[in-house]
Amino acid sequence: MRKLDVTELDDRGSALRDRILGPGTVPPPPFWIWSQNMDCAEVVEPLGDYCRNRTHLPPGLWELTVLVVARHHRSPFAWYAHYEDAVAGGVPRECLDRLATGQDPAFTDPAVELAHRVMTTLLVRHHLPEPLFAEAVSAFGQSGLIDLLGCMGSFSMSAWALNAFRVGLDDGDDARAWPFPDTEPF
């Protein structure tokens, strides 16, 4: 991991952590990165909090969103941090293992398959064709689709920050085997 300038939070960082994560909580690495610029952190972290705690997406779908984005941006720390939670949320391990290798995950749950299709289409094509948009609104409602989009954006920002600071990419406590075998590590 690249060196961060702080090991402790200042008063603003502590107040934000206490408000979002709870007093005395050890924040995850993205929080430490955002805390290097508290003006940014005070805007970014509430969206992260919303995605973690208040989204209308079911837990397995929320965790899948993290993993689809982690795979797309090749963020190993995000992948490992959320893999088991996605499994606990009902996403089949074998589907996630196929996702990690770049294969079709072959989700059998129609909502999960649709969410994956929406996310993948946006990440690859950068837009939703009208039929897919209509299918997503029908299945998730506009509010649910907006939750999915907001979480994708929040998790993308976190993946970029984690990758920029090489969290989980270098030797150290956070380093593990590269989880995306069809790609080269950075």
N, C-alpha and C. Protein backbone atom coordinates (compact mmCIF):
# COMPACT_ATOMS: atom_id res chain seq x y z
N MET A 1 0.85 -1.17 0.00
CA MET A 1 0.00 0.00 0.00
C MET A 1 0.90 1.23 0.00
N ARG A 2 0.47 2.24 -0.74
CA ARG A 2 1.18 3.50 -0.72
C ARG A 2 0.92 4.20 0.60
N LYS A 3 1.88 4.93 1.05
CA LYS A 3 1.78 5.58 2.34
C LYS A 3 0.71 6.67 2.35
N LEU A 4 -0.12 6.63 3.39
CA LEU A 4 -1.07 7.71 3.64
C LEU A 4 -0.43 8.66 4.64
N ASP A 5 -0.82 9.91 4.60
CA ASP A 5 -0.18 10.92 5.44
C ASP A 5 -0.62 10.90 6.90
N VAL A 6 -1.67 10.18 7.23
CA VAL A 6 -2.15 10.19 8.62
C VAL A 6 -2.27 8.78 9.15
N THR A 7 -2.15 8.66 10.43
CA THR A 7 -2.44 7.39 11.10
C THR A 7 -3.60 7.58 12.07
N GLU A 8 -3.94 8.83 12.35
CA GLU A 8 -5.07 9.13 13.22
C GLU A 8 -5.94 10.15 12.52
N LEU A 9 -7.22 10.13 12.87
CA LEU A 9 -8.16 11.08 12.29
C LEU A 9 -8.12 12.39 13.05
N ASP A 10 -8.27 13.51 12.32
CA ASP A 10 -8.39 14.78 13.00
C ASP A 10 -9.82 14.90 13.53
N ASP A 11 -10.16 16.03 14.12
CA ASP A 11 -11.49 16.20 14.73
C ASP A 11 -12.62 16.03 13.71
N ARG A 12 -12.44 16.58 12.51
CA ARG A 12 -13.47 16.44 11.47
C ARG A 12 -13.60 14.97 11.05
N GLY A 13 -12.47 14.29 10.88
CA GLY A 13 -12.50 12.88 10.49
C GLY A 13 -13.15 12.02 11.56
N SER A 14 -12.81 12.30 12.82
CA SER A 14 -13.41 11.53 13.92
C SER A 14 -14.91 11.76 14.00
N ALA A 15 -15.34 13.01 13.81
CA ALA A 15 -16.78 13.32 13.86
C ALA A 15 -17.52 12.62 12.73
N LEU A 16 -16.93 12.62 11.53
CA LEU A 16 -17.57 11.95 10.40
C LEU A 16 -17.63 10.44 10.64
N ARG A 17 -16.53 9.85 11.10
CA ARG A 17 -16.51 8.42 11.41
C ARG A 17 -17.58 8.08 12.45
N ASP A 18 -17.65 8.87 13.52
CA ASP A 18 -18.62 8.61 14.59
C ASP A 18 -20.04 8.69 14.07
N ARG A 19 -20.32 9.68 13.20
CA ARG A 19 -21.67 9.87 12.67
C ARG A 19 -22.05 8.73 11.72
N ILE A 20 -21.12 8.29 10.91
CA ILE A 20 -21.44 7.31 9.87
C ILE A 20 -21.23 5.88 10.34
N LEU A 21 -20.09 5.62 10.98
CA LEU A 21 -19.71 4.25 11.30
C LEU A 21 -19.89 3.90 12.78
N GLY A 22 -19.96 4.90 13.62
CA GLY A 22 -20.10 4.67 15.05
C GLY A 22 -18.82 5.03 15.78
N PRO A 23 -18.95 5.54 17.02
CA PRO A 23 -17.78 5.96 17.80
C PRO A 23 -16.78 4.82 17.99
N GLY A 24 -15.53 5.14 17.81
CA GLY A 24 -14.47 4.17 18.06
C GLY A 24 -14.33 3.08 17.02
N THR A 25 -15.15 3.09 15.98
CA THR A 25 -15.09 2.07 14.93
C THR A 25 -13.79 2.23 14.14
N VAL A 26 -13.19 1.13 13.77
CA VAL A 26 -12.02 1.20 12.90
C VAL A 26 -12.53 1.30 11.46
N PRO A 27 -12.30 2.44 10.81
CA PRO A 27 -12.83 2.61 9.45
C PRO A 27 -12.10 1.72 8.44
N PRO A 28 -12.80 1.33 7.37
CA PRO A 28 -12.14 0.56 6.31
C PRO A 28 -11.20 1.46 5.50
N PRO A 29 -10.30 0.86 4.73
CA PRO A 29 -9.31 1.65 3.99
C PRO A 29 -9.86 2.79 3.13
N PRO A 30 -11.00 2.63 2.43
CA PRO A 30 -11.43 3.80 1.65
C PRO A 30 -11.65 5.04 2.52
N PHE A 31 -12.14 4.84 3.75
CA PHE A 31 -12.37 5.99 4.64
C PHE A 31 -11.07 6.72 4.94
N TRP A 32 -9.99 5.95 5.18
CA TRP A 32 -8.70 6.58 5.46
C TRP A 32 -8.21 7.38 4.27
N ILE A 33 -8.47 6.87 3.09
CA ILE A 33 -8.06 7.60 1.89
C ILE A 33 -8.86 8.89 1.78
N TRP A 34 -10.19 8.79 1.91
CA TRP A 34 -11.02 10.00 1.81
C TRP A 34 -10.65 11.00 2.90
N SER A 35 -10.24 10.51 4.06
CA SER A 35 -9.95 11.43 5.18
C SER A 35 -8.74 12.32 4.90
N GLN A 36 -8.00 12.04 3.84
CA GLN A 36 -6.88 12.90 3.46
C GLN A 36 -7.37 14.23 2.91
N ASN A 37 -8.64 14.28 2.57
CA ASN A 37 -9.27 15.51 2.07
C ASN A 37 -10.68 15.53 2.67
N MET A 38 -10.80 16.13 3.84
CA MET A 38 -12.08 16.07 4.56
C MET A 38 -13.20 16.79 3.82
N ASP A 39 -12.90 17.79 3.01
CA ASP A 39 -13.97 18.42 2.22
C ASP A 39 -14.59 17.39 1.28
N CYS A 40 -13.74 16.57 0.67
CA CYS A 40 -14.23 15.50 -0.20
C CYS A 40 -14.91 14.40 0.63
N ALA A 41 -14.27 14.02 1.73
CA ALA A 41 -14.81 12.93 2.56
C ALA A 41 -16.22 13.24 3.06
N GLU A 42 -16.46 14.49 3.43
CA GLU A 42 -17.78 14.85 3.96
C GLU A 42 -18.86 14.77 2.90
N VAL A 43 -18.49 14.71 1.63
CA VAL A 43 -19.46 14.55 0.55
C VAL A 43 -19.54 13.08 0.12
N VAL A 44 -18.39 12.42 0.02
CA VAL A 44 -18.33 11.04 -0.47
C VAL A 44 -18.89 10.04 0.54
N GLU A 45 -18.50 10.16 1.78
CA GLU A 45 -18.88 9.15 2.78
C GLU A 45 -20.38 9.04 3.03
N PRO A 46 -21.15 10.13 3.00
CA PRO A 46 -22.60 9.92 3.16
C PRO A 46 -23.21 9.05 2.06
N LEU A 47 -22.70 9.14 0.84
CA LEU A 47 -23.19 8.24 -0.22
C LEU A 47 -22.78 6.81 0.10
N GLY A 48 -21.55 6.61 0.55
CA GLY A 48 -21.12 5.27 0.95
C GLY A 48 -21.98 4.73 2.08
N ASP A 49 -22.28 5.58 3.04
CA ASP A 49 -23.16 5.18 4.15
C ASP A 49 -24.54 4.78 3.64
N TYR A 50 -25.08 5.57 2.73
CA TYR A 50 -26.38 5.25 2.15
C TYR A 50 -26.33 3.88 1.48
N CYS A 51 -25.30 3.66 0.68
CA CYS A 51 -25.19 2.38 -0.04
C CYS A 51 -25.00 1.21 0.92
N ARG A 52 -24.24 1.41 1.98
CA ARG A 52 -24.00 0.32 2.94
C ARG A 52 -25.21 0.04 3.82
N ASN A 53 -25.96 1.09 4.19
CA ASN A 53 -26.94 0.93 5.26
C ASN A 53 -28.39 1.27 4.94
N ARG A 54 -28.63 2.01 3.87
CA ARG A 54 -30.01 2.47 3.67
C ARG A 54 -30.57 2.22 2.28
N THR A 55 -29.76 1.64 1.40
CA THR A 55 -30.26 1.36 0.06
C THR A 55 -31.45 0.39 0.14
N HIS A 56 -32.28 0.43 -0.88
CA HIS A 56 -33.43 -0.48 -0.93
C HIS A 56 -33.07 -1.81 -1.60
N LEU A 57 -31.81 -1.96 -1.97
CA LEU A 57 -31.36 -3.22 -2.58
C LEU A 57 -31.21 -4.29 -1.50
N PRO A 58 -31.60 -5.53 -1.80
CA PRO A 58 -31.36 -6.60 -0.83
C PRO A 58 -29.86 -6.78 -0.62
N PRO A 59 -29.44 -7.27 0.57
CA PRO A 59 -28.01 -7.39 0.87
C PRO A 59 -27.19 -8.13 -0.17
N GLY A 60 -27.67 -9.25 -0.68
CA GLY A 60 -26.91 -9.99 -1.68
C GLY A 60 -26.70 -9.18 -2.95
N LEU A 61 -27.72 -8.44 -3.36
CA LEU A 61 -27.63 -7.62 -4.56
C LEU A 61 -26.69 -6.43 -4.33
N TRP A 62 -26.75 -5.86 -3.15
CA TRP A 62 -25.85 -4.75 -2.79
C TRP A 62 -24.41 -5.24 -2.84
N GLU A 63 -24.14 -6.39 -2.26
CA GLU A 63 -22.79 -6.93 -2.26
C GLU A 63 -22.35 -7.32 -3.67
N LEU A 64 -23.26 -7.84 -4.47
CA LEU A 64 -22.93 -8.15 -5.86
C LEU A 64 -22.51 -6.88 -6.60
N THR A 65 -23.16 -5.77 -6.31
CA THR A 65 -22.80 -4.51 -6.94
C THR A 65 -21.34 -4.17 -6.66
N VAL A 66 -20.92 -4.35 -5.41
CA VAL A 66 -19.51 -4.11 -5.07
C VAL A 66 -18.61 -5.02 -5.90
N LEU A 67 -18.98 -6.29 -6.02
CA LEU A 67 -18.11 -7.25 -6.70
C LEU A 67 -18.06 -7.04 -8.21
N VAL A 68 -19.17 -6.68 -8.81
CA VAL A 68 -19.16 -6.38 -10.25
C VAL A 68 -18.25 -5.18 -10.52
N VAL A 69 -18.37 -4.15 -9.69
CA VAL A 69 -17.52 -2.97 -9.84
C VAL A 69 -16.06 -3.32 -9.53
N ALA A 70 -15.83 -4.10 -8.49
CA ALA A 70 -14.46 -4.50 -8.13
C ALA A 70 -13.83 -5.28 -9.28
N ARG A 71 -14.57 -6.18 -9.87
CA ARG A 71 -14.06 -6.95 -11.01
C ARG A 71 -13.75 -6.01 -12.18
N HIS A 72 -14.68 -5.12 -12.49
CA HIS A 72 -14.50 -4.22 -13.63
C HIS A 72 -13.25 -3.35 -13.47
N HIS A 73 -13.06 -2.82 -12.25
CA HIS A 73 -11.93 -1.92 -11.99
C HIS A 73 -10.70 -2.66 -11.47
N ARG A 74 -10.79 -3.99 -11.38
CA ARG A 74 -9.67 -4.82 -10.91
C ARG A 74 -9.20 -4.37 -9.54
N SER A 75 -10.12 -4.30 -8.59
CA SER A 75 -9.82 -3.87 -7.23
C SER A 75 -9.84 -5.08 -6.29
N PRO A 76 -8.68 -5.69 -6.05
CA PRO A 76 -8.65 -6.91 -5.24
C PRO A 76 -9.09 -6.70 -3.80
N PHE A 77 -8.75 -5.55 -3.20
CA PHE A 77 -9.16 -5.34 -1.82
C PHE A 77 -10.69 -5.34 -1.73
N ALA A 78 -11.36 -4.61 -2.62
CA ALA A 78 -12.83 -4.57 -2.60
C ALA A 78 -13.40 -5.96 -2.84
N TRP A 79 -12.79 -6.71 -3.75
CA TRP A 79 -13.27 -8.07 -4.05
C TRP A 79 -13.23 -8.93 -2.78
N TYR A 80 -12.07 -8.98 -2.16
CA TYR A 80 -11.93 -9.84 -0.98
C TYR A 80 -12.75 -9.33 0.21
N ALA A 81 -12.90 -8.02 0.34
CA ALA A 81 -13.65 -7.46 1.46
C ALA A 81 -15.14 -7.78 1.38
N HIS A 82 -15.65 -8.06 0.17
CA HIS A 82 -17.10 -8.24 0.02
C HIS A 82 -17.52 -9.62 -0.49
N TYR A 83 -16.58 -10.44 -0.86
CA TYR A 83 -16.90 -11.76 -1.43
C TYR A 83 -17.75 -12.60 -0.48
N GLU A 84 -17.28 -12.82 0.73
CA GLU A 84 -18.01 -13.68 1.68
C GLU A 84 -19.36 -13.08 2.07
N ASP A 85 -19.43 -11.75 2.15
CA ASP A 85 -20.71 -11.10 2.46
C ASP A 85 -21.72 -11.33 1.34
N ALA A 86 -21.26 -11.33 0.10
CA ALA A 86 -22.16 -11.62 -1.02
C ALA A 86 -22.68 -13.05 -0.93
N VAL A 87 -21.80 -13.98 -0.61
CA VAL A 87 -22.21 -15.38 -0.45
C VAL A 87 -23.23 -15.48 0.69
N ALA A 88 -22.94 -14.81 1.82
CA ALA A 88 -23.87 -14.82 2.95
C ALA A 88 -25.21 -14.19 2.58
N GLY A 89 -25.18 -13.25 1.62
CA GLY A 89 -26.40 -12.60 1.15
C GLY A 89 -27.16 -13.40 0.12
N GLY A 90 -26.66 -14.60 -0.19
CA GLY A 90 -27.39 -15.49 -1.09
C GLY A 90 -26.86 -15.58 -2.51
N VAL A 91 -25.77 -14.90 -2.82
CA VAL A 91 -25.20 -15.00 -4.16
C VAL A 91 -24.33 -16.26 -4.21
N PRO A 92 -24.62 -17.18 -5.11
CA PRO A 92 -23.88 -18.44 -5.14
C PRO A 92 -22.37 -18.25 -5.38
N ARG A 93 -21.59 -18.93 -4.58
CA ARG A 93 -20.14 -18.85 -4.67
C ARG A 93 -19.64 -19.20 -6.08
N GLU A 94 -20.23 -20.25 -6.69
CA GLU A 94 -19.77 -20.65 -8.02
C GLU A 94 -20.02 -19.57 -9.07
N CYS A 95 -21.08 -18.80 -8.89
CA CYS A 95 -21.35 -17.67 -9.81
C CYS A 95 -20.30 -16.58 -9.62
N LEU A 96 -19.96 -16.29 -8.38
CA LEU A 96 -18.94 -15.27 -8.11
C LEU A 96 -17.57 -15.72 -8.62
N ASP A 97 -17.28 -17.00 -8.50
CA ASP A 97 -16.00 -17.51 -8.99
C ASP A 97 -15.92 -17.37 -10.51
N ARG A 98 -17.03 -17.59 -11.20
CA ARG A 98 -17.04 -17.39 -12.65
C ARG A 98 -16.91 -15.90 -12.98
N LEU A 99 -17.58 -15.05 -12.22
CA LEU A 99 -17.46 -13.60 -12.42
C LEU A 99 -16.00 -13.17 -12.28
N ALA A 100 -15.30 -13.69 -11.28
CA ALA A 100 -13.90 -13.31 -11.05
C ALA A 100 -13.01 -13.66 -12.24
N THR A 101 -13.36 -14.73 -12.96
CA THR A 101 -12.54 -15.17 -14.08
C THR A 101 -12.97 -14.55 -15.41
N GLY A 102 -13.98 -13.68 -15.38
CA GLY A 102 -14.44 -13.04 -16.60
C GLY A 102 -15.46 -13.84 -17.38
N GLN A 103 -15.92 -14.95 -16.81
CA GLN A 103 -16.93 -15.78 -17.47
C GLN A 103 -18.33 -15.26 -17.14
N ASP A 104 -19.31 -15.75 -17.88
CA ASP A 104 -20.71 -15.46 -17.55
C ASP A 104 -20.99 -16.12 -16.20
N PRO A 105 -21.43 -15.35 -15.21
CA PRO A 105 -21.67 -15.94 -13.89
C PRO A 105 -22.82 -16.94 -13.86
N ALA A 106 -23.73 -16.88 -14.84
CA ALA A 106 -24.87 -17.78 -14.91
C ALA A 106 -25.74 -17.71 -13.66
N PHE A 107 -26.10 -16.50 -13.27
CA PHE A 107 -26.99 -16.32 -12.13
C PHE A 107 -28.35 -16.92 -12.45
N THR A 108 -28.94 -17.63 -11.50
CA THR A 108 -30.25 -18.23 -11.72
C THR A 108 -31.38 -17.38 -11.13
N ASP A 109 -31.07 -16.52 -10.18
CA ASP A 109 -32.07 -15.61 -9.62
C ASP A 109 -32.31 -14.50 -10.65
N PRO A 110 -33.56 -14.35 -11.12
CA PRO A 110 -33.83 -13.36 -12.18
C PRO A 110 -33.45 -11.92 -11.79
N ALA A 111 -33.65 -11.52 -10.55
CA ALA A 111 -33.31 -10.16 -10.13
C ALA A 111 -31.79 -9.96 -10.14
N VAL A 112 -31.07 -10.95 -9.69
CA VAL A 112 -29.60 -10.87 -9.66
C VAL A 112 -29.06 -10.86 -11.09
N GLU A 113 -29.60 -11.71 -11.94
CA GLU A 113 -29.17 -11.76 -13.34
C GLU A 113 -29.45 -10.42 -14.02
N LEU A 114 -30.61 -9.84 -13.78
CA LEU A 114 -30.96 -8.55 -14.38
C LEU A 114 -30.03 -7.45 -13.87
N ALA A 115 -29.79 -7.42 -12.58
CA ALA A 115 -28.90 -6.40 -12.02
C ALA A 115 -27.50 -6.53 -12.62
N HIS A 116 -27.02 -7.75 -12.75
CA HIS A 116 -25.71 -7.98 -13.36
C HIS A 116 -25.69 -7.48 -14.81
N ARG A 117 -26.75 -7.77 -15.55
CA ARG A 117 -26.83 -7.32 -16.94
C ARG A 117 -26.84 -5.79 -17.03
N VAL A 118 -27.60 -5.15 -16.15
CA VAL A 118 -27.66 -3.69 -16.13
C VAL A 118 -26.27 -3.12 -15.82
N MET A 119 -25.64 -3.62 -14.78
CA MET A 119 -24.33 -3.10 -14.38
C MET A 119 -23.29 -3.33 -15.47
N THR A 120 -23.26 -4.53 -16.02
CA THR A 120 -22.27 -4.85 -17.04
C THR A 120 -22.49 -4.00 -18.28
N THR A 121 -23.73 -3.82 -18.67
CA THR A 121 -24.03 -2.99 -19.84
C THR A 121 -23.55 -1.57 -19.62
N LEU A 122 -23.84 -1.02 -18.45
CA LEU A 122 -23.39 0.34 -18.17
C LEU A 122 -21.86 0.45 -18.14
N LEU A 123 -21.21 -0.52 -17.53
CA LEU A 123 -19.75 -0.47 -17.42
C LEU A 123 -19.06 -0.67 -18.76
N VAL A 124 -19.67 -1.43 -19.65
CA VAL A 124 -19.04 -1.72 -20.94
C VAL A 124 -19.53 -0.77 -22.03
N ARG A 125 -20.85 -0.57 -22.12
CA ARG A 125 -21.43 0.24 -23.20
C ARG A 125 -21.69 1.68 -22.79
N HIS A 126 -21.69 1.94 -21.50
CA HIS A 126 -21.86 3.29 -20.94
C HIS A 126 -23.27 3.86 -21.10
N HIS A 127 -24.23 3.03 -21.42
CA HIS A 127 -25.63 3.45 -21.48
C HIS A 127 -26.51 2.21 -21.38
N LEU A 128 -27.80 2.44 -21.16
CA LEU A 128 -28.76 1.33 -21.13
C LEU A 128 -29.68 1.44 -22.34
N PRO A 129 -29.71 0.44 -23.19
CA PRO A 129 -30.68 0.44 -24.28
C PRO A 129 -32.10 0.49 -23.69
N GLU A 130 -33.01 1.05 -24.42
CA GLU A 130 -34.39 1.25 -23.93
C GLU A 130 -35.03 -0.03 -23.39
N PRO A 131 -34.94 -1.17 -24.07
CA PRO A 131 -35.57 -2.38 -23.52
C PRO A 131 -34.98 -2.80 -22.16
N LEU A 132 -33.68 -2.68 -22.00
CA LEU A 132 -33.06 -3.05 -20.73
C LEU A 132 -33.43 -2.05 -19.64
N PHE A 133 -33.48 -0.77 -19.99
CA PHE A 133 -33.91 0.25 -19.03
C PHE A 133 -35.34 -0.05 -18.56
N ALA A 134 -36.24 -0.34 -19.49
CA ALA A 134 -37.64 -0.62 -19.15
C ALA A 134 -37.73 -1.88 -18.28
N GLU A 135 -36.95 -2.89 -18.59
CA GLU A 135 -36.96 -4.12 -17.79
C GLU A 135 -36.48 -3.84 -16.37
N ALA A 136 -35.43 -3.02 -16.23
CA ALA A 136 -34.89 -2.69 -14.91
C ALA A 136 -35.90 -1.87 -14.10
N VAL A 137 -36.53 -0.90 -14.72
CA VAL A 137 -37.53 -0.09 -14.00
C VAL A 137 -38.72 -0.96 -13.60
N SER A 138 -39.12 -1.87 -14.47
CA SER A 138 -40.23 -2.76 -14.14
C SER A 138 -39.87 -3.66 -12.95
N ALA A 139 -38.64 -4.15 -12.91
CA ALA A 139 -38.24 -5.07 -11.85
C ALA A 139 -37.89 -4.37 -10.55
N PHE A 140 -37.18 -3.24 -10.64
CA PHE A 140 -36.64 -2.59 -9.43
C PHE A 140 -37.35 -1.28 -9.09
N GLY A 141 -38.17 -0.77 -10.00
CA GLY A 141 -38.73 0.57 -9.84
C GLY A 141 -37.65 1.60 -10.14
N GLN A 142 -38.06 2.83 -10.40
CA GLN A 142 -37.06 3.87 -10.66
C GLN A 142 -36.16 4.06 -9.46
N SER A 143 -36.74 4.02 -8.27
CA SER A 143 -35.96 4.21 -7.05
C SER A 143 -34.90 3.12 -6.88
N GLY A 144 -35.28 1.88 -7.14
CA GLY A 144 -34.33 0.78 -7.03
C GLY A 144 -33.23 0.87 -8.07
N LEU A 145 -33.58 1.26 -9.29
CA LEU A 145 -32.57 1.43 -10.32
C LEU A 145 -31.60 2.55 -9.94
N ILE A 146 -32.13 3.64 -9.41
CA ILE A 146 -31.27 4.74 -8.98
C ILE A 146 -30.37 4.30 -7.84
N ASP A 147 -30.88 3.48 -6.91
CA ASP A 147 -30.02 2.92 -5.87
C ASP A 147 -28.87 2.12 -6.48
N LEU A 148 -29.18 1.29 -7.46
CA LEU A 148 -28.15 0.49 -8.12
C LEU A 148 -27.10 1.39 -8.76
N LEU A 149 -27.55 2.43 -9.46
CA LEU A 149 -26.62 3.36 -10.11
C LEU A 149 -25.78 4.12 -9.09
N GLY A 150 -26.42 4.60 -8.02
CA GLY A 150 -25.67 5.32 -6.98
C GLY A 150 -24.63 4.45 -6.32
N CYS A 151 -24.98 3.20 -6.06
CA CYS A 151 -24.02 2.28 -5.44
C CYS A 151 -22.88 1.97 -6.41
N MET A 152 -23.18 1.80 -7.68
CA MET A 152 -22.11 1.58 -8.65
C MET A 152 -21.14 2.76 -8.64
N GLY A 153 -21.66 3.97 -8.58
CA GLY A 153 -20.79 5.15 -8.56
C GLY A 153 -19.97 5.22 -7.29
N SER A 154 -20.59 4.98 -6.16
CA SER A 154 -19.86 5.02 -4.89
C SER A 154 -18.77 3.96 -4.85
N PHE A 155 -19.11 2.74 -5.28
CA PHE A 155 -18.14 1.66 -5.24
C PHE A 155 -17.04 1.87 -6.27
N SER A 156 -17.34 2.51 -7.39
CA SER A 156 -16.30 2.84 -8.37
C SER A 156 -15.31 3.82 -7.77
N MET A 157 -15.81 4.86 -7.09
CA MET A 157 -14.90 5.81 -6.45
C MET A 157 -14.01 5.10 -5.44
N SER A 158 -14.58 4.21 -4.67
CA SER A 158 -13.78 3.48 -3.68
C SER A 158 -12.76 2.58 -4.36
N ALA A 159 -13.15 1.88 -5.42
CA ALA A 159 -12.22 1.01 -6.14
C ALA A 159 -11.06 1.82 -6.71
N TRP A 160 -11.36 2.99 -7.27
CA TRP A 160 -10.29 3.83 -7.82
C TRP A 160 -9.34 4.28 -6.71
N ALA A 161 -9.91 4.68 -5.58
CA ALA A 161 -9.06 5.13 -4.46
C ALA A 161 -8.21 3.97 -3.95
N LEU A 162 -8.82 2.81 -3.78
CA LEU A 162 -8.07 1.64 -3.32
C LEU A 162 -6.95 1.29 -4.29
N ASN A 163 -7.23 1.34 -5.59
CA ASN A 163 -6.21 1.04 -6.58
C ASN A 163 -5.13 2.11 -6.63
N ALA A 164 -5.51 3.37 -6.53
CA ALA A 164 -4.53 4.46 -6.58
C ALA A 164 -3.54 4.35 -5.42
N PHE A 165 -4.05 3.98 -4.25
CA PHE A 165 -3.18 3.83 -3.08
C PHE A 165 -2.66 2.40 -2.92
N ARG A 166 -2.98 1.55 -3.91
CA ARG A 166 -2.48 0.18 -3.98
C ARG A 166 -2.86 -0.66 -2.76
N VAL A 167 -4.04 -0.41 -2.21
CA VAL A 167 -4.50 -1.20 -1.07
C VAL A 167 -4.82 -2.61 -1.57
N GLY A 168 -4.16 -3.58 -0.97
CA GLY A 168 -4.33 -4.97 -1.37
C GLY A 168 -3.52 -5.37 -2.58
N LEU A 169 -2.68 -4.47 -3.07
CA LEU A 169 -1.89 -4.77 -4.27
C LEU A 169 -0.42 -4.99 -3.98
N ASP A 170 0.05 -4.58 -2.84
CA ASP A 170 1.45 -4.73 -2.50
C ASP A 170 1.60 -5.73 -1.36
N ASP A 171 2.83 -6.06 -1.03
CA ASP A 171 3.07 -6.92 0.13
C ASP A 171 2.54 -6.23 1.37
N GLY A 172 2.06 -6.99 2.29
CA GLY A 172 1.55 -6.44 3.54
C GLY A 172 0.32 -7.18 3.98
N ASP A 173 -0.30 -6.69 5.03
CA ASP A 173 -1.44 -7.37 5.64
C ASP A 173 -2.63 -7.50 4.69
N ASP A 174 -2.81 -6.53 3.78
CA ASP A 174 -3.97 -6.54 2.91
C ASP A 174 -3.74 -7.30 1.60
N ALA A 175 -2.50 -7.73 1.34
CA ALA A 175 -2.18 -8.37 0.07
C ALA A 175 -2.63 -9.84 0.08
N ARG A 176 -3.25 -10.25 -1.00
CA ARG A 176 -3.65 -11.64 -1.21
C ARG A 176 -3.38 -11.98 -2.67
N ALA A 177 -3.67 -13.21 -3.03
CA ALA A 177 -3.51 -13.61 -4.43
C ALA A 177 -4.42 -12.75 -5.32
N TRP A 178 -3.94 -12.48 -6.51
CA TRP A 178 -4.72 -11.70 -7.48
C TRP A 178 -6.00 -12.48 -7.79
N PRO A 179 -7.20 -11.89 -7.56
CA PRO A 179 -8.44 -12.66 -7.68
C PRO A 179 -9.02 -12.78 -9.09
N PHE A 180 -8.39 -12.13 -10.08
CA PHE A 180 -8.95 -12.10 -11.43
C PHE A 180 -7.99 -12.80 -12.40
N PRO A 181 -8.00 -14.13 -12.44
CA PRO A 181 -6.96 -14.90 -13.12
C PRO A 181 -6.87 -14.66 -14.64
N ASP A 182 -7.87 -14.09 -15.26
CA ASP A 182 -7.79 -13.84 -16.70
C ASP A 182 -7.16 -12.48 -17.02
N THR A 183 -6.70 -11.77 -15.99
CA THR A 183 -6.08 -10.46 -16.19
C THR A 183 -4.72 -10.44 -15.51
N GLU A 184 -3.92 -9.46 -15.87
CA GLU A 184 -2.61 -9.27 -15.26
C GLU A 184 -2.75 -8.32 -14.08
N PRO A 185 -2.06 -8.61 -12.97
CA PRO A 185 -2.04 -7.63 -11.87
C PRO A 185 -1.36 -6.34 -12.30
N PHE A 186 -1.67 -5.26 -11.63
CA PHE A 186 -1.04 -3.98 -11.96
C PHE A 186 0.37 -3.99 -11.43
